[in-house]
PDB file of N, CA and C in Angstrom:
ATOM      1  N   MET A   1       8.231 -21.987 -92.636  1.00  0.00           N
ATOM      2  CA  MET A   1       8.368 -21.459 -91.129  1.00  0.00           C
ATOM      3  C   MET A   1       7.366 -22.368 -90.564  1.00  0.00           C
ATOM      4  N   PRO A   2       7.620 -22.975 -89.318  1.00  0.00           N
ATOM      5  CA  PRO A   2       7.280 -24.202 -88.473  1.00  0.00           C
ATOM      6  C   PRO A   2       5.707 -23.771 -87.881  1.00  0.00           C
ATOM      7  N   PRO A   3       4.782 -25.037 -88.162  1.00  0.00           N
ATOM      8  CA  PRO A   3       3.628 -24.734 -87.552  1.00  0.00           C
ATOM      9  C   PRO A   3       3.634 -23.957 -86.275  1.00  0.00           C
ATOM     10  N   GLY A   4       2.266 -22.780 -86.134  1.00  0.00           N
ATOM     11  CA  GLY A   4       2.310 -22.530 -85.076  1.00  0.00           C
ATOM     12  C   GLY A   4       2.820 -21.022 -84.809  1.00  0.00           C
ATOM     13  N   GLN A   5       3.929 -20.913 -85.618  1.00  0.00           N
ATOM     14  CA  GLN A   5       4.909 -19.834 -85.543  1.00  0.00           C
ATOM     15  C   GLN A   5       4.137 -18.578 -86.156  1.00  0.00           C
ATOM     16  N   ALA A   6       4.386 -17.251 -85.740  1.00  0.00           N
ATOM     17  CA  ALA A   6       3.677 -16.211 -85.911  1.00  0.00           C
ATOM     18  C   ALA A   6       4.256 -15.904 -87.219  1.00  0.00           C
ATOM     19  N   LYS A   7       3.282 -15.291 -88.335  1.00  0.00           N
ATOM     20  CA  LYS A   7       3.941 -14.883 -89.538  1.00  0.00           C
ATOM     21  C   LYS A   7       4.532 -13.171 -89.079  1.00  0.00           C
ATOM     22  N   ARG A   8       4.167 -12.644 -88.258  1.00  0.00           N
ATOM     23  CA  ARG A   8       4.768 -11.162 -87.767  1.00  0.00           C
ATOM     24  C   ARG A   8       5.996 -11.595 -87.021  1.00  0.00           C
ATOM     25  N   MET A   9       6.705 -10.961 -87.321  1.00  0.00           N
ATOM     26  CA  MET A   9       8.230 -11.306 -86.524  1.00  0.00           C
ATOM     27  C   MET A   9       8.839 -10.061 -86.030  1.00  0.00           C
ATOM     28  N   GLY A  10       8.683  -8.920 -86.417  1.00  0.00           N
ATOM     29  CA  GLY A  10       8.888  -7.761 -85.935  1.00  0.00           C
ATOM     30  C   GLY A  10       8.358  -6.602 -85.513  1.00  0.00           C
ATOM     31  N   ALA A  11       8.417  -5.680 -84.930  1.00  0.00           N
ATOM     32  CA  ALA A  11       7.866  -4.407 -84.613  1.00  0.00           C
ATOM     33  C   ALA A  11       7.887  -3.338 -85.794  1.00  0.00           C
ATOM     34  N   GLY A  12       7.375  -2.189 -85.445  1.00  0.00           N
ATOM     35  CA  GLY A  12       7.350  -0.936 -86.230  1.00  0.00           C
ATOM     36  C   GLY A  12       6.572  -1.272 -87.368  1.00  0.00           C
ATOM     37  N   PRO A  13       6.585   0.438 -88.303  1.00  0.00           N
ATOM     38  CA  PRO A  13       5.585   0.345 -89.349  1.00  0.00           C
ATOM     39  C   PRO A  13       5.667  -0.705 -90.314  1.00  0.00           C
ATOM     40  N   ASN A  14       6.301  -1.344 -90.619  1.00  0.00           N
ATOM     41  CA  ASN A  14       6.413  -2.301 -91.594  1.00  0.00           C
ATOM     42  C   ASN A  14       7.030  -3.686 -90.973  1.00  0.00           C
ATOM     43  N   HIS A  15       6.990  -4.072 -89.661  1.00  0.00           N
ATOM     44  CA  HIS A  15       7.194  -4.953 -88.792  1.00  0.00           C
ATOM     45  C   HIS A  15       8.629  -5.221 -89.030  1.00  0.00           C
ATOM     46  N   GLN A  16       9.942  -4.505 -89.499  1.00  0.00           N
ATOM     47  CA  GLN A  16      10.772  -4.584 -89.829  1.00  0.00           C
ATOM     48  C   GLN A  16      12.055  -4.567 -88.385  1.00  0.00           C
ATOM     49  N   TRP A  17      11.659  -4.177 -87.427  1.00  0.00           N
ATOM     50  CA  TRP A  17      12.553  -3.942 -86.245  1.00  0.00           C
ATOM     51  C   TRP A  17      12.185  -5.226 -85.454  1.00  0.00           C
ATOM     52  N   VAL A  18      13.565  -5.705 -85.461  1.00  0.00           N
ATOM     53  CA  VAL A  18      13.724  -6.816 -84.907  1.00  0.00           C
ATOM     54  C   VAL A  18      14.894  -6.591 -83.909  1.00  0.00           C
ATOM     55  N   LYS A  19      15.185  -7.667 -82.739  1.00  0.00           N
ATOM     56  CA  LYS A  19      16.116  -7.622 -81.843  1.00  0.00           C
ATOM     57  C   LYS A  19      17.462  -7.360 -82.875  1.00  0.00           C
ATOM     58  N   GLY A  20      18.607  -6.400 -82.161  1.00  0.00           N
ATOM     59  CA  GLY A  20      19.613  -6.082 -82.765  1.00  0.00           C
ATOM     60  C   GLY A  20      19.521  -5.209 -83.838  1.00  0.00           C
ATOM     61  N   SER A  21      18.429  -4.981 -84.356  1.00  0.00           N
ATOM     62  CA  SER A  21      18.313  -3.516 -85.354  1.00  0.00           C
ATOM     63  C   SER A  21      18.092  -2.393 -84.720  1.00  0.00           C
ATOM     64  N   ARG A  22      18.370  -1.325 -85.224  1.00  0.00           N
ATOM     65  CA  ARG A  22      18.401   0.476 -84.712  1.00  0.00           C
ATOM     66  C   ARG A  22      16.957   1.026 -85.283  1.00  0.00           C
ATOM     67  N   VAL A  23      16.418   1.231 -84.093  1.00  0.00           N
ATOM     68  CA  VAL A  23      15.155   2.180 -84.100  1.00  0.00           C
ATOM     69  C   VAL A  23      15.665   3.467 -84.614  1.00  0.00           C
ATOM     70  N   PRO A  24      14.861   4.011 -85.901  1.00  0.00           N
ATOM     71  CA  PRO A  24      15.427   5.225 -86.583  1.00  0.00           C
ATOM     72  C   PRO A  24      15.290   6.243 -85.691  1.00  0.00           C
ATOM     73  N   VAL A  25      15.871   7.068 -85.863  1.00  0.00           N
ATOM     74  CA  VAL A  25      15.881   8.345 -84.869  1.00  0.00           C
ATOM     75  C   VAL A  25      14.261   8.924 -84.657  1.00  0.00           C
ATOM     76  N   GLN A  26      13.879   9.028 -85.551  1.00  0.00           N
ATOM     77  CA  GLN A  26      12.266   9.751 -85.633  1.00  0.00           C
ATOM     78  C   GLN A  26      11.378   9.160 -84.556  1.00  0.00           C
ATOM     79  N   TYR A  27      11.656   7.794 -84.297  1.00  0.00           N
ATOM     80  CA  TYR A  27      10.749   7.308 -83.234  1.00  0.00           C
ATOM     81  C   TYR A  27      11.382   7.185 -82.125  1.00  0.00           C
ATOM     82  N   ARG A  28      12.490   7.555 -81.540  1.00  0.00           N
ATOM     83  CA  ARG A  28      12.965   7.508 -80.488  1.00  0.00           C
ATOM     84  C   ARG A  28      12.940   8.866 -79.776  1.00  0.00           C
ATOM     85  N   THR A  29      11.768   9.453 -79.870  1.00  0.00           N
ATOM     86  CA  THR A  29      11.361  10.764 -79.191  1.00  0.00           C
ATOM     87  C   THR A  29      10.843  10.132 -77.896  1.00  0.00           C
ATOM     88  N   SER A  30      10.167  11.454 -77.016  1.00  0.00           N
ATOM     89  CA  SER A  30       9.625  10.913 -75.873  1.00  0.00           C
ATOM     90  C   SER A  30       8.167  10.634 -75.937  1.00  0.00           C
ATOM     91  N   HIS A  31       7.794  10.704 -77.088  1.00  0.00           N
ATOM     92  CA  HIS A  31       6.164  10.438 -77.246  1.00  0.00           C
ATOM     93  C   HIS A  31       6.247   8.713 -77.486  1.00  0.00           C
ATOM     94  N   TYR A  32       7.349   8.210 -77.676  1.00  0.00           N
ATOM     95  CA  TYR A  32       7.214   6.605 -77.786  1.00  0.00           C
ATOM     96  C   TYR A  32       7.661   5.866 -76.555  1.00  0.00           C
ATOM     97  N   VAL A  33       8.380   6.714 -75.597  1.00  0.00           N
ATOM     98  CA  VAL A  33       9.435   6.105 -74.293  1.00  0.00           C
ATOM     99  C   VAL A  33       8.095   5.748 -73.364  1.00  0.00           C
ATOM    100  N   VAL A  34       8.238   4.601 -72.640  1.00  0.00           N
ATOM    101  CA  VAL A  34       7.157   4.069 -71.715  1.00  0.00           C
ATOM    102  C   VAL A  34       7.924   4.583 -70.763  1.00  0.00           C
ATOM    103  N   THR A  35       7.334   5.386 -69.486  1.00  0.00           N
ATOM    104  CA  THR A  35       7.838   5.722 -68.409  1.00  0.00           C
ATOM    105  C   THR A  35       7.103   4.797 -67.510  1.00  0.00           C
ATOM    106  N   ASP A  36       6.098   4.557 -67.358  1.00  0.00           N
ATOM    107  CA  ASP A  36       5.536   4.076 -66.308  1.00  0.00           C
ATOM    108  C   ASP A  36       5.649   2.359 -66.821  1.00  0.00           C
ATOM    109  N   TRP A  37       6.809   1.869 -66.651  1.00  0.00           N
ATOM    110  CA  TRP A  37       6.672   0.565 -67.246  1.00  0.00           C
ATOM    111  C   TRP A  37       6.138  -0.846 -66.707  1.00  0.00           C
ATOM    112  N   ARG A  38       5.940  -0.328 -65.089  1.00  0.00           N
ATOM    113  CA  ARG A  38       5.385  -1.236 -64.003  1.00  0.00           C
ATOM    114  C   ARG A  38       3.786  -1.371 -64.576  1.00  0.00           C
ATOM    115  N   GLY A  39       3.360  -0.147 -64.930  1.00  0.00           N
ATOM    116  CA  GLY A  39       1.658   0.010 -65.253  1.00  0.00           C
ATOM    117  C   GLY A  39       1.536  -0.883 -66.547  1.00  0.00           C
ATOM    118  N   HIS A  40       2.704  -0.894 -67.438  1.00  0.00           N
ATOM    119  CA  HIS A  40       2.592  -1.783 -68.514  1.00  0.00           C
ATOM    120  C   HIS A  40       2.690  -3.146 -68.369  1.00  0.00           C
ATOM    121  N   GLY A  41       3.047  -3.777 -67.487  1.00  0.00           N
ATOM    122  CA  GLY A  41       3.388  -5.096 -67.119  1.00  0.00           C
ATOM    123  C   GLY A  41       4.774  -5.511 -67.587  1.00  0.00           C
ATOM    124  N   LEU A  42       5.713  -4.379 -67.540  1.00  0.00           N
ATOM    125  CA  LEU A  42       7.136  -4.700 -67.762  1.00  0.00           C
ATOM    126  C   LEU A  42       8.182  -4.859 -67.132  1.00  0.00           C
ATOM    127  N   ARG A  43       9.080  -5.545 -67.159  1.00  0.00           N
ATOM    128  CA  ARG A  43      10.257  -5.342 -66.106  1.00  0.00           C
ATOM    129  C   ARG A  43      10.900  -3.774 -66.221  1.00  0.00           C
ATOM    130  N   GLN A  44      11.868  -3.748 -65.115  1.00  0.00           N
ATOM    131  CA  GLN A  44      12.963  -2.630 -65.051  1.00  0.00           C
ATOM    132  C   GLN A  44      13.667  -2.675 -66.262  1.00  0.00           C
ATOM    133  N   PRO A  45      13.507  -1.606 -67.039  1.00  0.00           N
ATOM    134  CA  PRO A  45      14.812  -1.671 -68.228  1.00  0.00           C
ATOM    135  C   PRO A  45      16.085  -1.346 -67.159  1.00  0.00           C
ATOM    136  N   PRO A  46      17.072  -2.221 -67.737  1.00  0.00           N
ATOM    137  CA  PRO A  46      18.754  -1.861 -67.420  1.00  0.00           C
ATOM    138  C   PRO A  46      19.250  -0.641 -67.416  1.00  0.00           C
ATOM    139  N   ARG A  47      20.254  -0.454 -66.567  1.00  0.00           N
ATOM    140  CA  ARG A  47      20.660   0.954 -67.025  1.00  0.00           C
ATOM    141  C   ARG A  47      21.213   1.145 -68.672  1.00  0.00           C
ATOM    142  N   GLY A  48      20.509   2.646 -68.886  1.00  0.00           N
ATOM    143  CA  GLY A  48      20.894   2.698 -70.017  1.00  0.00           C
ATOM    144  C   GLY A  48      20.091   2.331 -71.333  1.00  0.00           C
ATOM    145  N   TYR A  49      19.262   1.702 -71.095  1.00  0.00           N
ATOM    146  CA  TYR A  49      17.970   1.350 -71.835  1.00  0.00           C
ATOM    147  C   TYR A  49      16.687   2.006 -71.356  1.00  0.00           C
ATOM    148  N   HIS A  50      15.426   1.919 -72.316  1.00  0.00           N
ATOM    149  CA  HIS A  50      14.159   2.196 -71.936  1.00  0.00           C
ATOM    150  C   HIS A  50      13.177   1.758 -72.877  1.00  0.00           C
ATOM    151  N   TRP A  51      11.907   1.503 -72.392  1.00  0.00           N
ATOM    152  CA  TRP A  51      11.000   0.651 -72.962  1.00  0.00           C
ATOM    153  C   TRP A  51      10.558   1.410 -73.801  1.00  0.00           C
ATOM    154  N   MET A  52      10.301   1.420 -75.264  1.00  0.00           N
ATOM    155  CA  MET A  52       9.357   2.278 -76.217  1.00  0.00           C
ATOM    156  C   MET A  52       7.992   1.036 -76.338  1.00  0.00           C
ATOM    157  N   GLN A  53       7.295   2.190 -76.753  1.00  0.00           N
ATOM    158  CA  GLN A  53       5.966   1.559 -77.607  1.00  0.00           C
ATOM    159  C   GLN A  53       5.640   1.895 -78.703  1.00  0.00           C
ATOM    160  N   TYR A  54       5.139   0.871 -79.432  1.00  0.00           N
ATOM    161  CA  TYR A  54       4.750   1.522 -80.777  1.00  0.00           C
ATOM    162  C   TYR A  54       3.582   0.232 -80.835  1.00  0.00           C
ATOM    163  N   GLY A  55       2.503   1.249 -81.005  1.00  0.00           N
ATOM    164  CA  GLY A  55       1.174   0.533 -81.307  1.00  0.00           C
ATOM    165  C   GLY A  55       0.915  -0.685 -80.021  1.00  0.00           C
ATOM    166  N   GLY A  56       0.858  -1.556 -80.347  1.00  0.00           N
ATOM    167  CA  GLY A  56       1.051  -2.705 -78.827  1.00  0.00           C
ATOM    168  C   GLY A  56       1.919  -3.155 -78.962  1.00  0.00           C
ATOM    169  N   ASP A  57       3.093  -3.177 -79.321  1.00  0.00           N
ATOM    170  CA  ASP A  57       4.505  -3.717 -79.296  1.00  0.00           C
ATOM    171  C   ASP A  57       4.916  -2.881 -78.265  1.00  0.00           C
ATOM    172  N   TYR A  58       5.982  -3.518 -77.531  1.00  0.00           N
ATOM    173  CA  TYR A  58       7.031  -3.057 -76.500  1.00  0.00           C
ATOM    174  C   TYR A  58       8.704  -3.220 -77.159  1.00  0.00           C
ATOM    175  N   LEU A  59       9.310  -2.322 -77.121  1.00  0.00           N
ATOM    176  CA  LEU A  59      10.617  -2.755 -77.346  1.00  0.00           C
ATOM    177  C   LEU A  59      11.542  -2.082 -76.458  1.00  0.00           C
ATOM    178  N   LEU A  60      12.481  -2.968 -76.266  1.00  0.00           N
ATOM    179  CA  LEU A  60      13.628  -2.492 -74.973  1.00  0.00           C
ATOM    180  C   LEU A  60      14.685  -1.997 -75.919  1.00  0.00           C
ATOM    181  N   VAL A  61      15.061  -0.537 -75.850  1.00  0.00           N
ATOM    182  CA  VAL A  61      15.968   0.267 -76.753  1.00  0.00           C
ATOM    183  C   VAL A  61      17.225   0.683 -75.883  1.00  0.00           C
ATOM    184  N   ALA A  62      18.459   0.785 -76.325  1.00  0.00           N
ATOM    185  CA  ALA A  62      19.311   1.276 -75.769  1.00  0.00           C
ATOM    186  C   ALA A  62      19.446   2.951 -76.383  1.00  0.00           C
ATOM    187  N   ILE A  63      19.484   3.461 -75.101  1.00  0.00           N
ATOM    188  CA  ILE A  63      19.212   4.946 -75.032  1.00  0.00           C
ATOM    189  C   ILE A  63      19.762   5.663 -76.043  1.00  0.00           C
ATOM    190  N   GLY A  64      21.126   5.299 -75.808  1.00  0.00           N
ATOM    191  CA  GLY A  64      22.261   6.248 -77.147  1.00  0.00           C
ATOM    192  C   GLY A  64      22.210   5.915 -78.480  1.00  0.00           C
ATOM    193  N   SER A  65      22.109   4.208 -78.748  1.00  0.00           N
ATOM    194  CA  SER A  65      22.093   3.747 -80.114  1.00  0.00           C
ATOM    195  C   SER A  65      20.894   3.602 -80.946  1.00  0.00           C
ATOM    196  N   GLY A  66      19.964   3.309 -80.029  1.00  0.00           N
ATOM    197  CA  GLY A  66      18.664   2.842 -80.652  1.00  0.00           C
ATOM    198  C   GLY A  66      18.693   1.245 -80.895  1.00  0.00           C
ATOM    199  N   VAL A  67      19.327   0.743 -80.285  1.00  0.00           N
ATOM    200  CA  VAL A  67      19.803  -0.618 -80.790  1.00  0.00           C
ATOM    201  C   VAL A  67      18.624  -1.647 -79.818  1.00  0.00           C
ATOM    202  N   ILE A  68      18.075  -2.382 -80.518  1.00  0.00           N
ATOM    203  CA  ILE A  68      16.729  -3.066 -79.875  1.00  0.00           C
ATOM    204  C   ILE A  68      17.106  -4.232 -78.930  1.00  0.00           C
ATOM    205  N   LEU A  69      17.060  -4.407 -77.867  1.00  0.00           N
ATOM    206  CA  LEU A  69      17.427  -5.514 -76.885  1.00  0.00           C
ATOM    207  C   LEU A  69      16.670  -6.703 -76.943  1.00  0.00           C
ATOM    208  N   GLN A  70      15.187  -6.151 -76.829  1.00  0.00           N
ATOM    209  CA  GLN A  70      14.255  -7.220 -76.547  1.00  0.00           C
ATOM    210  C   GLN A  70      12.995  -6.556 -77.338  1.00  0.00           C
ATOM    211  N   LEU A  71      12.124  -7.744 -77.889  1.00  0.00           N
ATOM    212  CA  LEU A  71      10.802  -7.261 -78.358  1.00  0.00           C
ATOM    213  C   LEU A  71       9.674  -8.018 -77.523  1.00  0.00           C
ATOM    214  N   ILE A  72       8.718  -7.184 -77.400  1.00  0.00           N
ATOM    215  CA  ILE A  72       7.277  -8.178 -76.709  1.00  0.00           C
ATOM    216  C   ILE A  72       6.329  -7.813 -77.870  1.00  0.00           C
ATOM    217  N   LEU A  73       5.972  -8.584 -78.531  1.00  0.00           N
ATOM    218  CA  LEU A  73       4.816  -8.409 -79.852  1.00  0.00           C
ATOM    219  C   LEU A  73       3.470  -8.701 -79.199  1.00  0.00           C
ATOM    220  N   ASN A  74       2.705  -7.720 -79.731  1.00  0.00           N
ATOM    221  CA  ASN A  74       1.168  -7.735 -79.200  1.00  0.00           C
ATOM    222  C   ASN A  74       0.518  -8.414 -80.759  1.00  0.00           C
ATOM    223  N   ASP A  75       0.482  -9.631 -80.540  1.00  0.00           N
ATOM    224  CA  ASP A  75      -0.157 -10.425 -81.890  1.00  0.00           C
ATOM    225  C   ASP A  75      -1.662 -10.190 -81.976  1.00  0.00           C
TER     226      ASP A  75
END
């Protein structure tokens, strides 16, 4: 790992969620969905996507499939 690169690379319970992976169905509930994305300093999600929050991390997720398009990790 290059110097200065964070060891923590993903989100989720075991940091296993990375760009392109699928968030499990049990985490795709309204409890995790960020409806006030502006209030969280996030950009508007594209059509078919929504922001999810897990702890201090934000995930931009495809609504239908749960595939992660983007992660914002709170180190």
